Amino acid sequence: LESLGPDKVRLTARGTMQNTLYNILVTCMFVPWTPQQQVDIVEAVTGWKTSYFDLMKGAERAFSMARAFNAREGFGAKDDYLPLRSQGPRAEGALTDGGIDPAALREALDDYYAMMGWDAEGCPTRACLEELDVAWVADVLELDRARG
């Protein structure tokens, strides 16, 4: 398999945000919407003047809030893994020469968390949530942690 280096991790993060945008706009991801078409849809439906950057920030906000909720419920880095069969090797297919190295996957996840503004446990940091204008989410997380 190819490297799980920073370029692939960055592409994964970008693709995740694009798919999140499809979800929050309730648009089909099988239709090849251009960024401008997505902006046009939002402007036509809401009357808001927006940009693709703003839409992607909204996707990042939604995804990070969902991740914060999951963290509050006890999910985190320990739950971010691939099934054992992906570690290969397999009798046929892309994994015949070996699979995904668990150490390389862990390193890629660490890079992904850093790119997303999350901590080592995969929870959005206060700085990330403040930058996304949802500092109140960090307040809730901190309150829940204080309560134990």
C-alpha atoms as a PDB file:
ATOM      1  CA  LEU A   1       0.000   0.000   0.000  1.00  0.00           C
ATOM      2  CA  GLU A   2       1.029   3.570  -0.512  1.00  0.00           C
ATOM      3  CA  SER A   3       2.212   5.806   2.303  1.00  0.00           C
ATOM      4  CA  LEU A   4      -0.264   7.260   4.768  1.00  0.00           C
ATOM      5  CA  GLY A   5       1.780  10.477   4.856  1.00  0.00           C
ATOM      6  CA  PRO A   6       0.641  14.063   5.434  1.00  0.00           C
ATOM      7  CA  ASP A   7      -0.555  14.622   1.850  1.00  0.00           C
ATOM      8  CA  LYS A   8      -2.954  11.688   2.057  1.00  0.00           C
ATOM      9  CA  VAL A   9      -4.068  12.753   5.535  1.00  0.00           C
ATOM     10  CA  ARG A  10      -4.731  16.304   4.299  1.00  0.00           C
ATOM     11  CA  LEU A  11      -6.765  14.928   1.386  1.00  0.00           C
ATOM     12  CA  THR A  12      -8.746  12.774   3.822  1.00  0.00           C
ATOM     13  CA  ALA A  13      -9.481  15.768   6.055  1.00  0.00           C
ATOM     14  CA  ARG A  14     -10.571  17.829   3.041  1.00  0.00           C
ATOM     15  CA  GLY A  15     -12.759  15.007   1.721  1.00  0.00           C
ATOM     16  CA  THR A  16     -14.340  14.545   5.129  1.00  0.00           C
ATOM     17  CA  MET A  17     -15.282  18.224   5.223  1.00  0.00           C
ATOM     18  CA  GLN A  18     -16.696  18.047   1.685  1.00  0.00           C
ATOM     19  CA  ASN A  19     -18.830  15.028   2.616  1.00  0.00           C
ATOM     20  CA  THR A  20     -19.962  16.810   5.772  1.00  0.00           C
ATOM     21  CA  LEU A  21     -20.971  19.782   3.623  1.00  0.00           C
ATOM     22  CA  TYR A  22     -23.049  17.479   1.401  1.00  0.00           C
ATOM     23  CA  ASN A  23     -24.743  16.182   4.544  1.00  0.00           C
ATOM     24  CA  ILE A  24     -25.534  19.569   6.079  1.00  0.00           C
ATOM     25  CA  LEU A  25     -26.791  20.900   2.739  1.00  0.00           C
ATOM     26  CA  VAL A  26     -28.796  17.696   2.272  1.00  0.00           C
ATOM     27  CA  THR A  27     -27.412  17.319  -1.239  1.00  0.00           C
ATOM     28  CA  CYS A  28     -26.489  14.122  -3.021  1.00  0.00           C
ATOM     29  CA  MET A  29     -22.777  13.376  -2.942  1.00  0.00           C
ATOM     30  CA  PHE A  30     -23.076  11.436  -6.202  1.00  0.00           C
ATOM     31  CA  VAL A  31     -23.881  14.632  -8.111  1.00  0.00           C
ATOM     32  CA  PRO A  32     -20.625  16.414  -8.989  1.00  0.00           C
ATOM     33  CA  TRP A  33     -21.596  19.788  -7.484  1.00  0.00           C
ATOM     34  CA  THR A  34     -19.018  22.486  -8.022  1.00  0.00           C
ATOM     35  CA  PRO A  35     -18.155  24.740  -5.095  1.00  0.00           C
ATOM     36  CA  GLN A  36     -19.939  27.617  -6.840  1.00  0.00           C
ATOM     37  CA  GLN A  37     -23.074  25.527  -7.357  1.00  0.00           C
ATOM     38  CA  GLN A  38     -23.097  24.736  -3.644  1.00  0.00           C
ATOM     39  CA  VAL A  39     -22.835  28.445  -2.859  1.00  0.00           C
ATOM     40  CA  ASP A  40     -25.609  29.199  -5.365  1.00  0.00           C
ATOM     41  CA  ILE A  41     -27.885  26.601  -3.737  1.00  0.00           C
ATOM     42  CA  VAL A  42     -27.439  28.102  -0.269  1.00  0.00           C
ATOM     43  CA  GLU A  43     -27.918  31.655  -1.528  1.00  0.00           C
ATOM     44  CA  ALA A  44     -31.053  30.699  -3.494  1.00  0.00           C
ATOM     45  CA  VAL A  45     -32.650  28.816  -0.613  1.00  0.00           C
ATOM     46  CA  THR A  46     -31.710  31.125   2.271  1.00  0.00           C
ATOM     47  CA  GLY A  47     -31.157  34.516   0.673  1.00  0.00           C
ATOM     48  CA  TRP A  48     -27.813  34.703   2.510  1.00  0.00           C
ATOM     49  CA  LYS A  49     -24.735  35.993   0.745  1.00  0.00           C
ATOM     50  CA  THR A  50     -22.073  33.368   1.418  1.00  0.00           C
ATOM     51  CA  SER A  51     -18.868  31.870   0.076  1.00  0.00           C
ATOM     52  CA  TYR A  52     -17.491  28.388  -0.350  1.00  0.00           C
ATOM     53  CA  PHE A  53     -15.018  29.144   2.447  1.00  0.00           C
ATOM     54  CA  ASP A  54     -17.927  29.939   4.777  1.00  0.00           C
ATOM     55  CA  LEU A  55     -19.726  26.744   3.777  1.00  0.00           C
ATOM     56  CA  MET A  56     -16.623  24.646   4.446  1.00  0.00           C
ATOM     57  CA  LYS A  57     -16.173  26.385   7.818  1.00  0.00           C
ATOM     58  CA  GLY A  58     -19.768  25.424   8.590  1.00  0.00           C
ATOM     59  CA  ALA A  59     -18.961  21.822   7.706  1.00  0.00           C
ATOM     60  CA  GLU A  60     -15.880  21.939   9.923  1.00  0.00           C
ATOM     61  CA  ARG A  61     -17.995  23.403  12.733  1.00  0.00           C
ATOM     62  CA  ALA A  62     -20.628  20.669  12.398  1.00  0.00           C
ATOM     63  CA  PHE A  63     -18.048  17.879  12.235  1.00  0.00           C
ATOM     64  CA  SER A  64     -16.063  19.186  15.209  1.00  0.00           C
ATOM     65  CA  MET A  65     -19.237  19.605  17.264  1.00  0.00           C
ATOM     66  CA  ALA A  66     -20.217  16.014  16.459  1.00  0.00           C
ATOM     67  CA  ARG A  67     -16.747  14.862  17.463  1.00  0.00           C
ATOM     68  CA  ALA A  68     -16.999  16.834  20.725  1.00  0.00           C
ATOM     69  CA  PHE A  69     -20.343  15.167  21.462  1.00  0.00           C
ATOM     70  CA  ASN A  70     -18.778  11.757  20.848  1.00  0.00           C
ATOM     71  CA  ALA A  71     -15.870  12.661  23.151  1.00  0.00           C
ATOM     72  CA  ARG A  72     -18.323  13.688  25.858  1.00  0.00           C
ATOM     73  CA  GLU A  73     -19.986  10.293  25.500  1.00  0.00           C
ATOM     74  CA  GLY A  74     -16.652   8.479  25.957  1.00  0.00           C
ATOM     75  CA  PHE A  75     -15.561   7.890  22.369  1.00  0.00           C
ATOM     76  CA  GLY A  76     -12.099   8.932  21.253  1.00  0.00           C
ATOM     77  CA  ALA A  77      -8.804   7.839  19.742  1.00  0.00           C
ATOM     78  CA  LYS A  78      -9.235   4.303  21.093  1.00  0.00           C
ATOM     79  CA  ASP A  79     -12.270   3.962  18.826  1.00  0.00           C
ATOM     80  CA  ASP A  80     -10.549   5.218  15.657  1.00  0.00           C
ATOM     81  CA  TYR A  81      -9.258   2.023  14.103  1.00  0.00           C
ATOM     82  CA  LEU A  82      -9.690  -0.188  11.079  1.00  0.00           C
ATOM     83  CA  PRO A  83     -10.774  -3.830  11.293  1.00  0.00           C
ATOM     84  CA  LEU A  84      -8.003  -6.399  11.767  1.00  0.00           C
ATOM     85  CA  ARG A  85      -8.544  -7.779   8.266  1.00  0.00           C
ATOM     86  CA  SER A  86      -7.269  -4.461   6.820  1.00  0.00           C
ATOM     87  CA  GLN A  87      -3.860  -5.216   8.289  1.00  0.00           C
ATOM     88  CA  GLY A  88      -3.453  -7.993   5.689  1.00  0.00           C
ATOM     89  CA  PRO A  89      -2.027  -9.760   3.948  1.00  0.00           C
ATOM     90  CA  ARG A  90      -5.030 -11.092   2.050  1.00  0.00           C
ATOM     91  CA  ALA A  91      -5.269 -13.879  -0.513  1.00  0.00           C
ATOM     92  CA  GLU A  92      -6.333 -11.466  -3.257  1.00  0.00           C
ATOM     93  CA  GLY A  93      -6.879  -7.795  -3.917  1.00  0.00           C
ATOM     94  CA  ALA A  94      -4.976  -4.700  -2.829  1.00  0.00           C
ATOM     95  CA  LEU A  95      -3.730  -6.263   0.403  1.00  0.00           C
ATOM     96  CA  THR A  96      -1.934  -9.308  -1.070  1.00  0.00           C
ATOM     97  CA  ASP A  97       1.486  -7.797  -0.298  1.00  0.00           C
ATOM     98  CA  GLY A  98       0.476  -6.692   3.165  1.00  0.00           C
ATOM     99  CA  GLY A  99      -2.019  -4.415   4.769  1.00  0.00           C
ATOM    100  CA  ILE A 100      -2.133  -1.174   6.633  1.00  0.00           C
ATOM    101  CA  ASP A 101       0.509  -1.035   9.335  1.00  0.00           C
ATOM    102  CA  PRO A 102      -1.203  -0.194  12.661  1.00  0.00           C
ATOM    103  CA  ALA A 103       1.705   2.069  13.688  1.00  0.00           C
ATOM    104  CA  ALA A 104       1.481   3.979  10.381  1.00  0.00           C
ATOM    105  CA  LEU A 105      -2.287   4.321  10.828  1.00  0.00           C
ATOM    106  CA  ARG A 106      -1.816   5.650  14.365  1.00  0.00           C
ATOM    107  CA  GLU A 107       0.715   8.196  13.054  1.00  0.00           C
ATOM    108  CA  ALA A 108      -1.702   9.213  10.277  1.00  0.00           C
ATOM    109  CA  LEU A 109      -4.487   9.627  12.840  1.00  0.00           C
ATOM    110  CA  ASP A 110      -2.217  11.791  14.997  1.00  0.00           C
ATOM    111  CA  ASP A 111      -1.538  13.973  11.927  1.00  0.00           C
ATOM    112  CA  TYR A 112      -5.275  14.087  11.147  1.00  0.00           C
ATOM    113  CA  TYR A 113      -6.113  15.155  14.700  1.00  0.00           C
ATOM    114  CA  ALA A 114      -3.484  17.907  14.519  1.00  0.00           C
ATOM    115  CA  MET A 115      -4.784  19.129  11.139  1.00  0.00           C
ATOM    116  CA  MET A 116      -8.327  19.212  12.540  1.00  0.00           C
ATOM    117  CA  GLY A 117      -7.276  21.116  15.676  1.00  0.00           C
ATOM    118  CA  TRP A 118      -7.994  18.191  17.981  1.00  0.00           C
ATOM    119  CA  ASP A 119      -6.018  16.829  20.919  1.00  0.00           C
ATOM    120  CA  ALA A 120      -4.251  13.448  21.087  1.00  0.00           C
ATOM    121  CA  GLU A 121      -7.523  11.784  22.113  1.00  0.00           C
ATOM    122  CA  GLY A 122      -9.280  13.115  19.016  1.00  0.00           C
ATOM    123  CA  CYS A 123     -11.335  15.729  20.862  1.00  0.00           C
ATOM    124  CA  PRO A 124     -11.542  19.281  19.454  1.00  0.00           C
ATOM    125  CA  THR A 125      -9.402  21.668  21.482  1.00  0.00           C
ATOM    126  CA  ARG A 126     -10.741  24.858  23.005  1.00  0.00           C
ATOM    127  CA  ALA A 127      -8.713  26.837  20.435  1.00  0.00           C
ATOM    128  CA  CYS A 128     -10.337  24.877  17.602  1.00  0.00           C
ATOM    129  CA  LEU A 129     -13.839  25.417  18.974  1.00  0.00           C
ATOM    130  CA  GLU A 130     -13.196  29.118  19.618  1.00  0.00           C
ATOM    131  CA  GLU A 131     -11.913  29.537  16.057  1.00  0.00           C
ATOM    132  CA  LEU A 132     -15.142  27.919  14.836  1.00  0.00           C
ATOM    133  CA  ASP A 133     -17.239  30.304  16.998  1.00  0.00           C
ATOM    134  CA  VAL A 134     -18.566  27.533  19.226  1.00  0.00           C
ATOM    135  CA  ALA A 135     -16.554  28.132  22.409  1.00  0.00           C
ATOM    136  CA  TRP A 136     -19.654  27.150  24.383  1.00  0.00           C
ATOM    137  CA  VAL A 137     -19.000  23.544  23.296  1.00  0.00           C
ATOM    138  CA  ALA A 138     -15.605  23.683  25.035  1.00  0.00           C
ATOM    139  CA  ASP A 139     -17.347  25.091  28.117  1.00  0.00           C
ATOM    140  CA  VAL A 140     -19.746  22.131  28.156  1.00  0.00           C
ATOM    141  CA  LEU A 141     -16.882  19.650  27.750  1.00  0.00           C
ATOM    142  CA  GLU A 142     -14.938  21.267  30.582  1.00  0.00           C
ATOM    143  CA  LEU A 143     -17.999  21.293  32.839  1.00  0.00           C
ATOM    144  CA  ASP A 144     -18.649  17.611  32.140  1.00  0.00           C
ATOM    145  CA  ARG A 145     -14.994  16.754  32.855  1.00  0.00           C
ATOM    146  CA  ALA A 146     -15.129  18.686  36.142  1.00  0.00           C
ATOM    147  CA  ARG A 147     -18.218  16.735  37.177  1.00  0.00           C
ATOM    148  CA  GLY A 148     -16.366  13.492  36.430  1.00  0.00           C
END
